[in-house]
Amino acid sequence: MYRRFASVQRRYPVSTSCVVGGGVVGVGDAAVQALWRGGVDVQRNAVVSAYSGAMSPVFERWWCALERAWPGSAAGVVLRKAVTNQIFATPLNMALFLVWAAAAEQWLSRLAQTSVERRLDPAEESAGVWARAVRDLPNMVLVASTFWLPANAITFMFVPQNLRVLWVSSCTAAWGGLLGLSAHR
């Protein structure tokens, strides 16, 4: 099975990355929701899965760039890659996710509205999305560092490049589970 996966991944790297990233996060998010909420919010699942699928090839290229800049898995090299990833990629990824999630949820909600209901002005919606990202991002980056810095160190030290999307998508599902656990205490 691994050989088949590796073969498909070599022939279709972007597609494979999208499917693996979106699929693993989708299944993980559905499992977390079912466990903590007793059901699955399909809209939420679609939003997080689509984002993960779309961003997986971007991260795969980013990790390759880090490997080219600092090849190897010695402790100092791994620390350099993990900290660089944490400083540059994590805040950007979280900001993009917050904007994506807010925009996608508003768009999906607007589709579900009847013609009688009040529709928000697009400028008003954009301002709300931006305000949410600015409000939530600093705390999210701080809290996420406690999980993602060690996860990234493990990624760069032990996980082969061709399995990183699978591994990090699994970590993303675990991160969602931890967030769900803390939200339901």
N, C-alpha and C. Protein backbone atom coordinates (compact mmCIF):
# COMPACT_ATOMS: atom_id res chain seq x y z
N MET A 1 0.82 -1.18 0.00
CA MET A 1 0.00 0.00 0.00
C MET A 1 0.88 1.27 0.00
N TYR A 2 1.96 1.23 0.78
CA TYR A 2 2.85 2.38 0.83
C TYR A 2 3.47 2.64 -0.55
N ARG A 3 3.90 1.58 -1.23
CA ARG A 3 4.49 1.75 -2.57
C ARG A 3 3.51 2.39 -3.54
N ARG A 4 2.27 1.96 -3.45
CA ARG A 4 1.24 2.52 -4.33
C ARG A 4 1.02 4.01 -4.02
N PHE A 5 0.96 4.33 -2.73
CA PHE A 5 0.81 5.72 -2.32
C PHE A 5 2.00 6.55 -2.82
N ALA A 6 3.21 6.05 -2.63
CA ALA A 6 4.40 6.78 -3.06
C ALA A 6 4.41 6.97 -4.58
N SER A 7 3.95 5.97 -5.31
CA SER A 7 3.89 6.07 -6.77
C SER A 7 2.90 7.15 -7.21
N VAL A 8 1.72 7.14 -6.61
CA VAL A 8 0.71 8.16 -6.93
C VAL A 8 1.22 9.54 -6.53
N GLN A 9 1.86 9.61 -5.39
CA GLN A 9 2.39 10.89 -4.91
C GLN A 9 3.46 11.45 -5.85
N ARG A 10 4.31 10.59 -6.40
CA ARG A 10 5.33 11.06 -7.35
C ARG A 10 4.70 11.56 -8.66
N ARG A 11 3.66 10.86 -9.12
CA ARG A 11 3.01 11.25 -10.39
C ARG A 11 2.11 12.47 -10.24
N TYR A 12 1.43 12.59 -9.12
CA TYR A 12 0.46 13.67 -8.90
C TYR A 12 0.70 14.33 -7.53
N PRO A 13 1.83 15.00 -7.36
CA PRO A 13 2.16 15.50 -6.01
C PRO A 13 1.18 16.51 -5.44
N VAL A 14 0.71 17.45 -6.25
CA VAL A 14 -0.21 18.47 -5.74
C VAL A 14 -1.56 17.86 -5.42
N SER A 15 -2.10 17.07 -6.32
CA SER A 15 -3.40 16.42 -6.08
C SER A 15 -3.35 15.52 -4.87
N THR A 16 -2.29 14.73 -4.75
CA THR A 16 -2.16 13.83 -3.61
C THR A 16 -2.10 14.62 -2.31
N SER A 17 -1.34 15.69 -2.32
CA SER A 17 -1.22 16.53 -1.14
C SER A 17 -2.58 17.12 -0.74
N CYS A 18 -3.32 17.60 -1.73
CA CYS A 18 -4.66 18.16 -1.45
C CYS A 18 -5.60 17.12 -0.86
N VAL A 19 -5.63 15.94 -1.47
CA VAL A 19 -6.54 14.89 -1.03
C VAL A 19 -6.14 14.39 0.36
N VAL A 20 -4.86 14.15 0.58
CA VAL A 20 -4.41 13.66 1.88
C VAL A 20 -4.65 14.72 2.96
N GLY A 21 -4.25 15.95 2.70
CA GLY A 21 -4.43 17.01 3.69
C GLY A 21 -5.89 17.25 4.03
N GLY A 22 -6.72 17.38 3.01
CA GLY A 22 -8.14 17.61 3.25
C GLY A 22 -8.84 16.39 3.83
N GLY A 23 -8.48 15.22 3.33
CA GLY A 23 -9.13 13.99 3.78
C GLY A 23 -8.82 13.63 5.22
N VAL A 24 -7.55 13.70 5.60
CA VAL A 24 -7.17 13.35 6.97
C VAL A 24 -7.79 14.35 7.95
N VAL A 25 -7.71 15.63 7.65
CA VAL A 25 -8.30 16.63 8.54
C VAL A 25 -9.82 16.47 8.58
N GLY A 26 -10.45 16.18 7.44
CA GLY A 26 -11.90 15.98 7.42
C GLY A 26 -12.34 14.81 8.29
N VAL A 27 -11.67 13.68 8.15
CA VAL A 27 -12.01 12.51 8.96
C VAL A 27 -11.71 12.79 10.44
N GLY A 28 -10.55 13.39 10.71
CA GLY A 28 -10.20 13.71 12.09
C GLY A 28 -11.15 14.69 12.73
N ASP A 29 -11.53 15.72 11.99
CA ASP A 29 -12.45 16.72 12.52
C ASP A 29 -13.82 16.09 12.78
N ALA A 30 -14.29 15.25 11.88
CA ALA A 30 -15.58 14.58 12.08
C ALA A 30 -15.54 13.69 13.32
N ALA A 31 -14.42 12.98 13.52
CA ALA A 31 -14.29 12.13 14.70
C ALA A 31 -14.28 12.95 15.99
N VAL A 32 -13.54 14.05 15.97
CA VAL A 32 -13.49 14.93 17.14
C VAL A 32 -14.87 15.51 17.44
N GLN A 33 -15.55 15.97 16.42
CA GLN A 33 -16.89 16.53 16.62
C GLN A 33 -17.84 15.47 17.17
N ALA A 34 -17.81 14.29 16.59
CA ALA A 34 -18.70 13.23 17.05
C ALA A 34 -18.42 12.89 18.51
N LEU A 35 -17.17 12.89 18.89
CA LEU A 35 -16.78 12.56 20.26
C LEU A 35 -17.21 13.65 21.24
N TRP A 36 -16.93 14.91 20.91
CA TRP A 36 -17.17 16.00 21.86
C TRP A 36 -18.53 16.63 21.74
N ARG A 37 -19.14 16.55 20.57
CA ARG A 37 -20.42 17.23 20.37
C ARG A 37 -21.58 16.26 20.16
N GLY A 38 -21.27 15.00 19.94
CA GLY A 38 -22.31 14.02 19.71
C GLY A 38 -22.87 14.03 18.30
N GLY A 39 -22.28 14.81 17.42
CA GLY A 39 -22.72 14.88 16.03
C GLY A 39 -21.68 15.66 15.23
N VAL A 40 -21.90 15.75 13.94
CA VAL A 40 -20.94 16.42 13.07
C VAL A 40 -21.60 17.63 12.41
N ASP A 41 -20.95 18.77 12.57
CA ASP A 41 -21.37 19.99 11.88
C ASP A 41 -20.72 19.93 10.49
N VAL A 42 -21.52 19.60 9.50
CA VAL A 42 -21.00 19.39 8.14
C VAL A 42 -20.38 20.66 7.59
N GLN A 43 -20.96 21.80 7.89
CA GLN A 43 -20.42 23.07 7.40
C GLN A 43 -19.02 23.30 7.96
N ARG A 44 -18.86 23.12 9.26
CA ARG A 44 -17.55 23.30 9.88
C ARG A 44 -16.55 22.32 9.26
N ASN A 45 -16.97 21.06 9.10
CA ASN A 45 -16.09 20.05 8.55
C ASN A 45 -15.66 20.41 7.13
N ALA A 46 -16.58 20.90 6.33
CA ALA A 46 -16.25 21.29 4.96
C ALA A 46 -15.28 22.46 4.95
N VAL A 47 -15.47 23.41 5.85
CA VAL A 47 -14.60 24.59 5.91
C VAL A 47 -13.17 24.19 6.28
N VAL A 48 -13.00 23.38 7.33
CA VAL A 48 -11.64 23.01 7.75
C VAL A 48 -10.98 22.06 6.77
N SER A 49 -11.76 21.15 6.19
CA SER A 49 -11.20 20.20 5.22
C SER A 49 -10.75 20.91 3.94
N ALA A 50 -11.58 21.82 3.46
CA ALA A 50 -11.22 22.55 2.24
C ALA A 50 -9.96 23.38 2.46
N TYR A 51 -9.87 24.03 3.61
CA TYR A 51 -8.69 24.84 3.89
C TYR A 51 -7.44 23.97 3.95
N SER A 52 -7.53 22.87 4.69
CA SER A 52 -6.38 21.97 4.81
C SER A 52 -5.96 21.40 3.47
N GLY A 53 -6.93 20.99 2.67
CA GLY A 53 -6.62 20.46 1.35
C GLY A 53 -5.95 21.49 0.46
N ALA A 54 -6.45 22.71 0.52
CA ALA A 54 -5.87 23.78 -0.32
C ALA A 54 -4.47 24.18 0.15
N MET A 55 -4.24 24.17 1.45
CA MET A 55 -2.95 24.64 1.98
C MET A 55 -1.87 23.56 2.02
N SER A 56 -2.26 22.30 1.96
CA SER A 56 -1.27 21.22 2.06
C SER A 56 -0.15 21.32 1.03
N PRO A 57 -0.43 21.57 -0.25
CA PRO A 57 0.67 21.70 -1.21
C PRO A 57 1.57 22.91 -0.91
N VAL A 58 0.97 23.97 -0.38
CA VAL A 58 1.76 25.16 -0.03
C VAL A 58 2.75 24.81 1.08
N PHE A 59 2.27 24.12 2.10
CA PHE A 59 3.16 23.74 3.19
C PHE A 59 4.20 22.73 2.74
N GLU A 60 3.82 21.84 1.88
CA GLU A 60 4.78 20.86 1.37
C GLU A 60 5.95 21.57 0.68
N ARG A 61 5.65 22.59 -0.13
CA ARG A 61 6.71 23.37 -0.79
C ARG A 61 7.53 24.15 0.24
N TRP A 62 6.87 24.71 1.25
CA TRP A 62 7.56 25.45 2.32
C TRP A 62 8.54 24.54 3.06
N TRP A 63 8.10 23.33 3.40
CA TRP A 63 8.97 22.40 4.11
C TRP A 63 10.15 22.00 3.23
N CYS A 64 9.94 21.85 1.93
CA CYS A 64 11.05 21.56 1.02
C CYS A 64 12.05 22.71 1.00
N ALA A 65 11.55 23.94 1.02
CA ALA A 65 12.44 25.10 1.06
C ALA A 65 13.26 25.11 2.35
N LEU A 66 12.64 24.78 3.46
CA LEU A 66 13.37 24.70 4.72
C LEU A 66 14.44 23.61 4.67
N GLU A 67 14.10 22.48 4.04
CA GLU A 67 15.08 21.39 3.90
C GLU A 67 16.25 21.80 3.02
N ARG A 68 15.97 22.57 1.97
CA ARG A 68 17.06 23.04 1.11
C ARG A 68 17.94 24.03 1.87
N ALA A 69 17.33 24.88 2.67
CA ALA A 69 18.10 25.88 3.42
C ALA A 69 18.93 25.22 4.52
N TRP A 70 18.35 24.26 5.22
CA TRP A 70 19.04 23.60 6.33
C TRP A 70 18.81 22.09 6.25
N PRO A 71 19.57 21.40 5.42
CA PRO A 71 19.36 19.95 5.27
C PRO A 71 19.79 19.19 6.54
N GLY A 72 19.12 18.07 6.76
CA GLY A 72 19.50 17.20 7.86
C GLY A 72 18.52 17.20 9.01
N SER A 73 18.86 16.35 9.99
CA SER A 73 17.98 16.21 11.15
C SER A 73 18.74 16.28 12.47
N ALA A 74 19.90 16.91 12.45
CA ALA A 74 20.63 17.14 13.70
C ALA A 74 19.82 18.11 14.56
N ALA A 75 20.00 18.04 15.86
CA ALA A 75 19.19 18.82 16.80
C ALA A 75 19.18 20.32 16.47
N GLY A 76 20.34 20.90 16.20
CA GLY A 76 20.41 22.34 15.90
C GLY A 76 19.68 22.70 14.62
N VAL A 77 19.82 21.84 13.62
CA VAL A 77 19.15 22.07 12.32
C VAL A 77 17.64 21.96 12.48
N VAL A 78 17.18 20.96 13.22
CA VAL A 78 15.75 20.76 13.47
C VAL A 78 15.18 21.95 14.24
N LEU A 79 15.91 22.41 15.24
CA LEU A 79 15.46 23.56 16.01
C LEU A 79 15.33 24.80 15.12
N ARG A 80 16.32 25.01 14.25
CA ARG A 80 16.28 26.15 13.33
C ARG A 80 15.05 26.08 12.42
N LYS A 81 14.78 24.89 11.85
CA LYS A 81 13.62 24.73 10.97
C LYS A 81 12.31 24.90 11.74
N ALA A 82 12.22 24.30 12.92
CA ALA A 82 10.98 24.38 13.71
C ALA A 82 10.69 25.81 14.15
N VAL A 83 11.71 26.52 14.61
CA VAL A 83 11.52 27.91 15.05
C VAL A 83 11.19 28.81 13.85
N THR A 84 11.87 28.62 12.74
CA THR A 84 11.57 29.40 11.54
C THR A 84 10.13 29.17 11.10
N ASN A 85 9.72 27.91 11.10
CA ASN A 85 8.35 27.58 10.73
C ASN A 85 7.37 28.25 11.70
N GLN A 86 7.69 28.22 12.99
CA GLN A 86 6.81 28.80 14.00
C GLN A 86 6.70 30.32 13.85
N ILE A 87 7.80 30.96 13.53
CA ILE A 87 7.81 32.43 13.42
C ILE A 87 7.11 32.91 12.15
N PHE A 88 7.35 32.22 11.04
CA PHE A 88 6.82 32.71 9.77
C PHE A 88 5.52 32.02 9.33
N ALA A 89 5.51 30.70 9.34
CA ALA A 89 4.36 29.99 8.77
C ALA A 89 3.16 29.94 9.71
N THR A 90 3.39 29.75 10.99
CA THR A 90 2.27 29.58 11.91
C THR A 90 1.37 30.82 11.99
N PRO A 91 1.91 32.02 12.22
CA PRO A 91 1.02 33.18 12.27
C PRO A 91 0.30 33.43 10.94
N LEU A 92 1.02 33.26 9.83
CA LEU A 92 0.40 33.46 8.53
C LEU A 92 -0.72 32.44 8.29
N ASN A 93 -0.43 31.18 8.61
CA ASN A 93 -1.42 30.13 8.43
C ASN A 93 -2.66 30.38 9.29
N MET A 94 -2.45 30.78 10.53
CA MET A 94 -3.59 31.03 11.41
C MET A 94 -4.41 32.23 10.94
N ALA A 95 -3.73 33.27 10.50
CA ALA A 95 -4.46 34.44 10.00
C ALA A 95 -5.27 34.06 8.77
N LEU A 96 -4.65 33.33 7.85
CA LEU A 96 -5.38 32.90 6.65
C LEU A 96 -6.55 31.99 7.02
N PHE A 97 -6.34 31.10 7.98
CA PHE A 97 -7.43 30.21 8.37
C PHE A 97 -8.58 30.99 8.99
N LEU A 98 -8.28 31.93 9.88
CA LEU A 98 -9.34 32.72 10.51
C LEU A 98 -10.15 33.48 9.46
N VAL A 99 -9.45 34.09 8.52
CA VAL A 99 -10.15 34.83 7.46
C VAL A 99 -10.97 33.87 6.59
N TRP A 100 -10.35 32.76 6.20
CA TRP A 100 -11.05 31.76 5.38
C TRP A 100 -12.28 31.24 6.11
N ALA A 101 -12.14 30.84 7.38
CA ALA A 101 -13.25 30.25 8.12
C ALA A 101 -14.40 31.25 8.27
N ALA A 102 -14.06 32.47 8.64
CA ALA A 102 -15.10 33.48 8.82
C ALA A 102 -15.79 33.79 7.50
N ALA A 103 -15.01 33.95 6.45
CA ALA A 103 -15.59 34.27 5.14
C ALA A 103 -16.43 33.11 4.61
N ALA A 104 -15.91 31.89 4.72
CA ALA A 104 -16.64 30.73 4.21
C ALA A 104 -17.93 30.51 5.00
N GLU A 105 -17.86 30.65 6.32
CA GLU A 105 -19.06 30.46 7.13
C GLU A 105 -20.11 31.53 6.82
N GLN A 106 -19.67 32.77 6.64
CA GLN A 106 -20.63 33.83 6.29
C GLN A 106 -21.22 33.58 4.91
N TRP A 107 -20.41 33.17 3.97
CA TRP A 107 -20.89 32.89 2.62
C TRP A 107 -21.90 31.74 2.65
N LEU A 108 -21.57 30.66 3.37
CA LEU A 108 -22.49 29.53 3.45
C LEU A 108 -23.78 29.90 4.18
N SER A 109 -23.67 30.72 5.21
CA SER A 109 -24.86 31.18 5.93
C SER A 109 -25.74 32.04 5.03
N ARG A 110 -25.09 32.89 4.24
CA ARG A 110 -25.83 33.76 3.33
C ARG A 110 -26.57 32.93 2.28
N LEU A 111 -25.97 31.84 1.83
CA LEU A 111 -26.64 30.97 0.86
C LEU A 111 -27.90 30.34 1.47
N ALA A 112 -27.86 30.10 2.77
CA ALA A 112 -28.98 29.45 3.44
C ALA A 112 -30.10 30.43 3.79
N GLN A 113 -29.83 31.72 3.73
CA GLN A 113 -30.84 32.71 4.09
C GLN A 113 -31.96 32.76 3.04
N THR A 114 -33.14 33.08 3.53
CA THR A 114 -34.24 33.27 2.59
C THR A 114 -34.19 34.70 2.09
N SER A 115 -34.93 34.99 1.06
CA SER A 115 -34.93 36.33 0.48
C SER A 115 -35.54 37.36 1.43
N VAL A 116 -36.32 36.92 2.41
CA VAL A 116 -36.96 37.83 3.35
C VAL A 116 -35.97 38.31 4.42
N GLU A 117 -34.99 37.44 4.75
CA GLU A 117 -34.03 37.79 5.79
C GLU A 117 -33.09 38.90 5.34
N ARG A 118 -32.60 39.64 6.30
CA ARG A 118 -31.67 40.73 6.01
C ARG A 118 -30.32 40.16 5.59
N ARG A 119 -29.78 40.67 4.53
CA ARG A 119 -28.45 40.26 4.06
C ARG A 119 -27.46 41.35 4.41
N LEU A 120 -26.29 40.92 4.88
CA LEU A 120 -25.26 41.89 5.21
C LEU A 120 -24.63 42.46 3.95
N ASP A 121 -24.22 43.69 4.05
CA ASP A 121 -23.48 44.34 3.00
C ASP A 121 -22.09 43.67 2.91
N PRO A 122 -21.56 43.39 1.70
CA PRO A 122 -20.24 42.75 1.58
C PRO A 122 -19.14 43.50 2.33
N ALA A 123 -19.18 44.83 2.32
CA ALA A 123 -18.16 45.61 3.06
C ALA A 123 -18.29 45.37 4.55
N GLU A 124 -19.52 45.26 5.03
CA GLU A 124 -19.77 44.99 6.45
C GLU A 124 -19.25 43.60 6.82
N GLU A 125 -19.49 42.64 5.94
CA GLU A 125 -19.01 41.27 6.16
C GLU A 125 -17.49 41.24 6.21
N SER A 126 -16.84 41.92 5.28
CA SER A 126 -15.37 41.95 5.24
C SER A 126 -14.80 42.57 6.50
N ALA A 127 -15.40 43.63 6.97
CA ALA A 127 -14.94 44.28 8.20
C ALA A 127 -15.07 43.32 9.39
N GLY A 128 -16.15 42.55 9.43
CA GLY A 128 -16.33 41.58 10.51
C GLY A 128 -15.30 40.46 10.46
N VAL A 129 -14.99 39.99 9.27
CA VAL A 129 -13.98 38.95 9.10
C VAL A 129 -12.62 39.47 9.57
N TRP A 130 -12.26 40.65 9.14
CA TRP A 130 -10.97 41.24 9.52
C TRP A 130 -10.89 41.46 11.03
N ALA A 131 -11.96 41.98 11.63
CA ALA A 131 -11.98 42.24 13.07
C ALA A 131 -11.79 40.94 13.86
N ARG A 132 -12.43 39.87 13.40
CA ARG A 132 -12.29 38.58 14.09
C ARG A 132 -10.84 38.08 14.02
N ALA A 133 -10.22 38.19 12.85
CA ALA A 133 -8.83 37.74 12.70
C ALA A 133 -7.89 38.55 13.59
N VAL A 134 -8.06 39.85 13.60
CA VAL A 134 -7.19 40.71 14.42
C VAL A 134 -7.39 40.42 15.90
N ARG A 135 -8.63 40.18 16.31
CA ARG A 135 -8.95 39.92 17.71
C ARG A 135 -8.38 38.58 18.18
N ASP A 136 -8.53 37.53 17.37
CA ASP A 136 -8.21 36.18 17.81
C ASP A 136 -6.77 35.73 17.56
N LEU A 137 -6.10 36.33 16.60
CA LEU A 137 -4.80 35.82 16.17
C LEU A 137 -3.71 35.83 17.24
N PRO A 138 -3.46 36.93 17.96
CA PRO A 138 -2.34 36.90 18.92
C PRO A 138 -2.43 35.78 19.95
N ASN A 139 -3.58 35.60 20.54
CA ASN A 139 -3.74 34.54 21.55
C ASN A 139 -3.61 33.16 20.92
N MET A 140 -4.17 32.99 19.72
CA MET A 140 -4.08 31.69 19.05
C MET A 140 -2.64 31.31 18.76
N VAL A 141 -1.83 32.26 18.31
CA VAL A 141 -0.43 31.96 18.00
C VAL A 141 0.31 31.55 19.26
N LEU A 142 0.06 32.23 20.35
CA LEU A 142 0.71 31.92 21.62
C LEU A 142 0.33 30.52 22.10
N VAL A 143 -0.94 30.23 22.13
CA VAL A 143 -1.41 28.92 22.59
C VAL A 143 -0.94 27.82 21.64
N ALA A 144 -1.01 28.06 20.35
CA ALA A 144 -0.63 27.05 19.37
C ALA A 144 0.85 26.69 19.45
N SER A 145 1.67 27.62 19.88
CA SER A 145 3.11 27.35 19.98
C SER A 145 3.41 26.18 20.91
N THR A 146 2.60 26.01 21.95
CA THR A 146 2.84 24.91 22.89
C THR A 146 2.62 23.55 22.26
N PHE A 147 1.80 23.50 21.22
CA PHE A 147 1.56 22.25 20.51
C PHE A 147 2.41 22.14 19.26
N TRP A 148 2.42 23.21 18.44
CA TRP A 148 3.02 23.12 17.12
C TRP A 148 4.53 23.18 17.11
N LEU A 149 5.16 23.84 18.05
CA LEU A 149 6.62 23.86 18.06
C LEU A 149 7.18 22.45 18.28
N PRO A 150 6.70 21.70 19.28
CA PRO A 150 7.16 20.31 19.40
C PRO A 150 6.73 19.43 18.21
N ALA A 151 5.51 19.63 17.71
CA ALA A 151 5.05 18.83 16.57
C ALA A 151 5.93 19.07 15.35
N ASN A 152 6.31 20.32 15.12
CA ASN A 152 7.19 20.64 13.99
C ASN A 152 8.59 20.08 14.20
N ALA A 153 9.08 20.09 15.43
CA ALA A 153 10.40 19.50 15.70
C ALA A 153 10.36 18.00 15.38
N ILE A 154 9.31 17.32 15.78
CA ILE A 154 9.16 15.89 15.46
C ILE A 154 9.09 15.70 13.95
N THR A 155 8.35 16.57 13.29
CA THR A 155 8.22 16.50 11.83
C THR A 155 9.58 16.56 11.17
N PHE A 156 10.37 17.58 11.52
CA PHE A 156 11.66 17.78 10.86
C PHE A 156 12.72 16.77 11.28
N MET A 157 12.55 16.16 12.45
CA MET A 157 13.55 15.21 12.91
C MET A 157 13.27 13.78 12.41
N PHE A 158 12.00 13.38 12.40
CA PHE A 158 11.69 11.97 12.18
C PHE A 158 10.85 11.64 10.94
N VAL A 159 10.08 12.58 10.44
CA VAL A 159 9.11 12.25 9.38
C VAL A 159 9.72 12.51 8.00
N PRO A 160 9.75 11.48 7.14
CA PRO A 160 10.26 11.67 5.79
C PRO A 160 9.42 12.71 5.04
N GLN A 161 10.05 13.43 4.14
CA GLN A 161 9.36 14.51 3.42
C GLN A 161 8.07 14.05 2.75
N ASN A 162 8.06 12.87 2.17
CA ASN A 162 6.86 12.43 1.44
C ASN A 162 5.70 12.06 2.36
N LEU A 163 5.93 11.97 3.67
CA LEU A 163 4.85 11.65 4.62
C LEU A 163 4.47 12.83 5.52
N ARG A 164 5.05 13.97 5.27
CA ARG A 164 4.81 15.12 6.16
C ARG A 164 3.38 15.65 6.08
N VAL A 165 2.80 15.68 4.90
CA VAL A 165 1.42 16.15 4.80
C VAL A 165 0.51 15.22 5.61
N LEU A 166 0.71 13.92 5.49
CA LEU A 166 -0.08 12.95 6.24
C LEU A 166 0.12 13.15 7.75
N TRP A 167 1.36 13.26 8.18
CA TRP A 167 1.68 13.45 9.60
C TRP A 167 1.11 14.76 10.14
N VAL A 168 1.37 15.86 9.46
CA VAL A 168 0.92 17.16 9.96
C VAL A 168 -0.61 17.26 9.91
N SER A 169 -1.25 16.65 8.92
CA SER A 169 -2.71 16.62 8.89
C SER A 169 -3.26 15.84 10.08
N SER A 170 -2.57 14.77 10.45
CA SER A 170 -2.96 14.02 11.65
C SER A 170 -2.77 14.87 12.90
N CYS A 171 -1.67 15.61 12.95
CA CYS A 171 -1.44 16.53 14.07
C CYS A 171 -2.53 17.61 14.11
N THR A 172 -2.95 18.07 12.95
CA THR A 172 -4.00 19.08 12.88
C THR A 172 -5.30 18.53 13.47
N ALA A 173 -5.61 17.28 13.16
CA ALA A 173 -6.81 16.65 13.73
C ALA A 173 -6.66 16.52 15.25
N ALA A 174 -5.48 16.14 15.72
CA ALA A 174 -5.23 16.05 17.17
C ALA A 174 -5.35 17.42 17.83
N TRP A 175 -4.81 18.45 17.17
CA TRP A 175 -4.92 19.82 17.68
C TRP A 175 -6.39 20.22 17.80
N GLY A 176 -7.18 19.88 16.80
CA GLY A 176 -8.61 20.15 16.87
C GLY A 176 -9.27 19.43 18.04
N GLY A 177 -8.80 18.20 18.30
CA GLY A 177 -9.31 17.46 19.44
C GLY A 177 -8.96 18.11 20.77
N LEU A 178 -7.73 18.60 20.88
CA LEU A 178 -7.33 19.30 22.10
C LEU A 178 -8.14 20.57 22.30
N LEU A 179 -8.38 21.29 21.21
CA LEU A 179 -9.20 22.50 21.31
C LEU A 179 -10.62 22.15 21.73
N GLY A 180 -11.14 21.05 21.17
CA GLY A 180 -12.48 20.61 21.54
C GLY A 180 -12.56 20.20 22.99
N LEU A 181 -11.54 19.50 23.47
CA LEU A 181 -11.50 19.09 24.87
C LEU A 181 -11.48 20.30 25.80
N SER A 182 -10.65 21.28 25.48
CA SER A 182 -10.57 22.46 26.34
C SER A 182 -11.86 23.28 26.28
N ALA A 183 -12.54 23.27 25.15
CA ALA A 183 -13.79 24.03 25.02
C ALA A 183 -14.94 23.36 25.76
N HIS A 184 -14.84 22.05 26.01
CA HIS A 184 -15.96 21.32 26.63
C HIS A 184 -15.64 20.89 28.06
N ARG A 185 -14.75 21.56 28.72
CA ARG A 185 -14.45 21.24 30.14
C ARG A 185 -15.53 21.76 31.03
